[in-house]
Amino acid sequence: MEQMEQRDRPEEMEEADRAVVAAQLGRTPRAVRRVAHRCRCGLPDVIETAPRLPDGTPFPTLYYLTCPKANSAIGSLEAGGVMRTMTARLAADPALAERYRAADADYRRRRDAAARADGIEPLPAGTQTAGGMPDRVKCLHALVAHELAVPGVNPFGREALDALPAWWRGGPCVRPLCNERQEQIEMSTKSVVWQGKSGESVKPEKSGRPGKEEVPWR
C-alpha cells in the first residue's frame, strides 16, 4: 500500500471535524479529544478519545478509526483469518512479541497522559488497551488506528496497513457541503448537507435506532 501521510502531533478538534466524524460514525462521537490522523482526502480518519466518558465511565479505546471505507477494507482483511495467524506468530517469534508488548505499553502511557492532561482519574492498572494487546490479535481496526496515530509503534497495525488497498482513491467517505455554497463554514451536525452517491445533496435520515442516523457514504 502507498505510504500514508502522517502528522507528528494530534490536532485540536474543530466543529467542522466533529461534524465529519459524526457523519462517518452515524452518531455524535463521545469523549473526543482531538484528531489523531487525517486521510489523504483531508478528513479525519482517526480520533483520540478521553479515557473516561463525561459521567466517569471507563473508555479504554484511546484511538478510534472513523473512516467507513477503511473500516470496511479492514473487515475484509479480518474475514480472511489473518488475526489467527498473527496471534500464532506471537508464540513463535520472541522479537515480534516484544515489539507488540512495547506497543501495548505505548498505548497505556499515552492513555494515562491523556487522562492527566484532562484532569481526570487514569484507568486502573491492568485495564485492557485495544485490539487484543499484548497477548493476541482480535481487532485490526484498533491496531491500525494506533499505528496511524503513532507511526512505527504497532507492528500488526503496520502489517495490516501494508496489506490494505488504497481505500482513499475513490474520494472522501463523506462530503460536507454548505447550504449557501460558501467555501468555508463553521459546520455543525445540524447545518451540514452530505453529498449522496449520485451527487445530489441529502440530509441524514433517522434510521429508527436511538442516536443513530443513516449517512450516505461515498
Protein backbone atom coordinates (compact mmCIF):
# COMPACT_ATOMS: atom_id res chain seq x y z
CA MET A 1 0.00 0.00 0.00
CA GLU A 2 1.19 3.53 -0.68
CA GLN A 3 2.75 5.37 2.24
CA MET A 4 0.10 7.31 4.15
CA GLU A 5 0.65 10.92 5.08
CA GLN A 6 1.41 11.22 8.78
CA ARG A 7 1.20 14.01 11.34
CA ASP A 8 3.67 14.25 14.19
CA ARG A 9 1.17 15.73 16.66
CA PRO A 10 -2.56 15.26 17.12
CA GLU A 11 -4.51 18.42 16.35
CA GLU A 12 -7.30 20.04 18.29
CA MET A 13 -10.84 19.08 17.27
CA GLU A 14 -12.77 21.81 15.46
CA GLU A 15 -16.52 21.89 14.88
CA ALA A 16 -16.13 21.09 11.18
CA ASP A 17 -14.19 17.94 12.06
CA ARG A 18 -16.76 16.97 14.69
CA ALA A 19 -19.47 17.20 12.02
CA VAL A 20 -17.46 14.99 9.67
CA VAL A 21 -16.81 12.39 12.37
CA ALA A 22 -20.48 12.38 13.32
CA ALA A 23 -21.36 11.63 9.71
CA GLN A 24 -18.70 8.92 9.45
CA LEU A 25 -19.99 7.18 12.57
CA GLY A 26 -23.67 7.93 12.05
CA ARG A 27 -23.89 9.36 15.57
CA THR A 28 -22.45 12.09 17.74
CA PRO A 29 -18.98 10.98 18.87
CA ARG A 30 -18.37 10.68 22.61
CA ALA A 31 -15.44 11.95 24.67
CA VAL A 32 -13.47 13.15 21.64
CA ARG A 33 -10.21 14.94 22.46
CA ARG A 34 -8.67 15.60 19.06
CA VAL A 35 -7.91 14.42 15.53
CA ALA A 36 -5.07 11.89 15.70
CA HIS A 37 -4.66 11.30 11.95
CA ARG A 38 -6.08 12.54 8.66
CA CYS A 39 -6.76 10.58 5.50
CA ARG A 40 -5.16 11.71 2.24
CA CYS A 41 -8.52 13.23 1.34
CA GLY A 42 -8.08 15.63 4.27
CA LEU A 43 -10.83 14.31 6.53
CA PRO A 44 -10.18 12.83 9.96
CA ASP A 45 -9.81 9.05 9.93
CA VAL A 46 -8.55 8.52 13.49
CA ILE A 47 -9.68 10.38 16.59
CA GLU A 48 -8.24 10.36 20.08
CA THR A 49 -10.80 9.85 22.83
CA ALA A 50 -10.71 10.57 26.54
CA PRO A 51 -10.09 7.60 28.85
CA ARG A 52 -13.40 8.29 30.60
CA LEU A 53 -16.81 9.43 29.41
CA PRO A 54 -18.25 12.61 30.95
CA ASP A 55 -20.06 10.51 33.58
CA GLY A 56 -16.78 8.84 34.61
CA THR A 57 -17.38 5.54 32.82
CA PRO A 58 -14.05 4.00 31.71
CA PHE A 59 -13.41 4.23 27.96
CA PRO A 60 -10.26 2.19 27.25
CA THR A 61 -10.02 2.81 23.50
CA LEU A 62 -7.71 5.80 23.03
CA TYR A 63 -7.53 5.76 19.20
CA TYR A 64 -10.68 5.18 17.21
CA LEU A 65 -10.80 4.59 13.45
CA THR A 66 -13.69 6.59 11.99
CA CYS A 67 -13.41 6.23 8.21
CA PRO A 68 -16.07 3.78 6.96
CA LYS A 69 -14.03 2.95 3.86
CA ALA A 70 -11.00 2.00 5.92
CA ASN A 71 -13.17 0.07 8.36
CA SER A 72 -14.74 -1.90 5.51
CA ALA A 73 -11.35 -2.75 4.00
CA ILE A 74 -10.05 -3.91 7.38
CA GLY A 75 -13.16 -6.01 7.94
CA SER A 76 -12.47 -7.84 4.69
CA LEU A 77 -8.89 -8.44 5.80
CA GLU A 78 -10.05 -9.82 9.15
CA ALA A 79 -12.51 -12.16 7.44
CA GLY A 80 -9.59 -13.90 5.75
CA GLY A 81 -8.35 -15.27 9.09
CA VAL A 82 -5.23 -13.10 9.33
CA MET A 83 -5.73 -12.43 13.04
CA ARG A 84 -5.38 -16.11 13.93
CA THR A 85 -2.11 -16.25 12.00
CA MET A 86 -0.83 -13.09 13.68
CA THR A 87 -1.66 -14.42 17.15
CA ALA A 88 0.13 -17.70 16.41
CA ARG A 89 3.22 -15.80 15.32
CA LEU A 90 3.49 -14.17 18.74
CA ALA A 91 4.31 -17.54 20.29
CA ALA A 92 6.86 -18.39 17.60
CA ASP A 93 8.65 -15.05 17.26
CA PRO A 94 10.02 -13.57 20.54
CA ALA A 95 11.19 -10.37 18.82
CA LEU A 96 7.74 -9.75 17.36
CA ALA A 97 6.13 -10.48 20.72
CA GLU A 98 8.42 -7.94 22.38
CA ARG A 99 7.50 -5.27 19.82
CA TYR A 100 3.82 -5.99 20.41
CA ARG A 101 4.27 -5.68 24.18
CA ALA A 102 6.06 -2.37 23.58
CA ALA A 103 3.07 -1.20 21.53
CA ASP A 104 0.78 -2.10 24.43
CA ALA A 105 2.99 -0.17 26.85
CA ASP A 106 2.99 2.84 24.50
CA TYR A 107 -0.81 2.77 24.37
CA ARG A 108 -1.04 2.72 28.17
CA ARG A 109 1.40 5.59 28.57
CA ARG A 110 -0.45 7.75 26.09
CA ARG A 111 -3.83 6.93 27.61
CA ASP A 112 -2.62 7.81 31.10
CA ALA A 113 -1.08 11.03 29.77
CA ALA A 114 -4.42 11.96 28.17
CA ALA A 115 -6.18 11.41 31.50
CA ARG A 116 -3.70 13.60 33.35
CA ALA A 117 -3.96 16.31 30.70
CA ASP A 118 -7.76 16.32 31.07
CA GLY A 119 -7.58 16.32 34.86
CA ILE A 120 -9.40 13.00 35.22
CA GLU A 121 -8.51 9.81 37.02
CA PRO A 122 -6.44 7.40 34.89
CA LEU A 123 -7.93 3.98 34.30
CA PRO A 124 -6.97 1.30 36.85
CA ALA A 125 -3.72 -0.55 36.30
CA GLY A 126 -4.31 -3.64 34.25
CA THR A 127 -7.20 -2.18 32.24
CA GLN A 128 -7.11 -3.58 28.73
CA THR A 129 -5.72 -1.42 25.95
CA ALA A 130 -7.11 -2.29 22.49
CA GLY A 131 -7.04 -4.86 19.73
CA GLY A 132 -6.08 -7.77 21.97
CA MET A 133 -2.70 -6.36 23.01
CA PRO A 134 -0.36 -7.61 24.32
CA ASP A 135 -1.07 -11.35 24.01
CA ARG A 136 -3.30 -11.76 20.97
CA VAL A 137 -4.76 -10.03 17.94
CA LYS A 138 -8.53 -9.62 18.00
CA CYS A 139 -9.30 -6.25 16.34
CA LEU A 140 -7.22 -4.89 13.47
CA HIS A 141 -9.30 -1.70 13.40
CA ALA A 142 -7.87 -0.71 16.78
CA LEU A 143 -4.31 -1.69 15.86
CA VAL A 144 -4.45 0.23 12.58
CA ALA A 145 -5.79 3.29 14.41
CA HIS A 146 -2.84 3.08 16.83
CA GLU A 147 -0.33 2.78 14.00
CA LEU A 148 -1.81 5.70 12.07
CA ALA A 149 -1.81 7.89 15.17
CA VAL A 150 1.70 6.86 16.25
CA PRO A 151 3.62 5.66 13.16
CA GLY A 152 6.09 2.85 13.65
CA VAL A 153 4.80 1.69 17.04
CA ASN A 154 2.35 -1.12 16.32
CA PRO A 155 3.77 -4.00 14.25
CA PHE A 156 0.47 -5.64 13.42
CA GLY A 157 -1.16 -2.30 12.71
CA ARG A 158 1.64 -1.67 10.23
CA GLU A 159 1.24 -5.09 8.62
CA ALA A 160 -2.48 -4.58 8.24
CA LEU A 161 -1.97 -1.15 6.66
CA ASP A 162 0.51 -2.59 4.18
CA ALA A 163 -2.00 -5.30 3.20
CA LEU A 164 -4.93 -2.92 2.63
CA PRO A 165 -5.98 -1.44 -0.71
CA ALA A 166 -5.80 2.33 -1.21
CA TRP A 167 -9.28 2.97 0.18
CA TRP A 168 -8.99 6.76 -0.21
CA ARG A 169 -8.59 6.72 -4.01
CA GLY A 170 -12.33 6.87 -4.62
CA GLY A 171 -12.56 10.18 -2.77
CA PRO A 172 -13.75 11.13 0.71
CA CYS A 173 -16.07 8.80 2.58
CA VAL A 174 -18.38 11.76 3.26
CA ARG A 175 -18.54 15.11 1.52
CA PRO A 176 -19.62 18.10 3.62
CA LEU A 177 -21.32 20.87 1.68
CA CYS A 178 -22.62 24.26 2.78
CA ASN A 179 -26.25 25.12 2.07
CA GLU A 180 -25.13 28.57 0.89
CA ARG A 181 -22.25 27.10 -1.19
CA GLN A 182 -19.70 29.13 0.71
CA GLU A 183 -16.13 27.90 0.53
CA GLN A 184 -15.69 27.95 4.30
CA ILE A 185 -18.23 27.42 7.04
CA GLU A 186 -18.46 26.74 10.73
CA MET A 187 -20.22 23.42 10.31
CA SER A 188 -22.27 21.52 12.84
CA THR A 189 -24.19 18.28 12.64
CA LYS A 190 -27.36 20.32 12.10
CA SER A 191 -26.07 22.64 9.37
CA VAL A 192 -24.21 20.16 7.17
CA VAL A 193 -25.63 18.64 3.99
CA TRP A 194 -23.96 15.45 2.74
CA GLN A 195 -23.42 14.64 -0.91
CA GLY A 196 -25.04 11.40 -1.99
CA LYS A 197 -23.70 8.85 -4.46
CA SER A 198 -25.38 10.50 -7.47
CA GLY A 199 -24.15 13.94 -6.46
CA GLU A 200 -27.39 15.30 -5.01
CA SER A 201 -27.42 17.00 -1.63
CA VAL A 202 -29.18 14.98 1.04
CA LYS A 203 -29.80 15.31 4.75
CA PRO A 204 -29.04 12.36 7.07
CA GLU A 205 -32.22 10.43 7.80
CA LYS A 206 -33.22 8.77 11.02
CA SER A 207 -32.71 5.02 10.98
CA GLY A 208 -35.21 4.16 13.69
CA ARG A 209 -32.46 3.32 16.19
CA PRO A 210 -31.92 5.74 19.09
CA GLY A 211 -28.98 8.05 18.48
CA LYS A 212 -28.33 6.55 15.04
CA GLU A 213 -28.58 8.23 11.65
CA GLU A 214 -28.11 6.78 8.19
CA VAL A 215 -25.46 8.72 6.28
CA PRO A 216 -24.83 8.23 2.53
CA TRP A 217 -21.26 7.01 2.11
CA ARG A 218 -19.25 7.92 -0.97
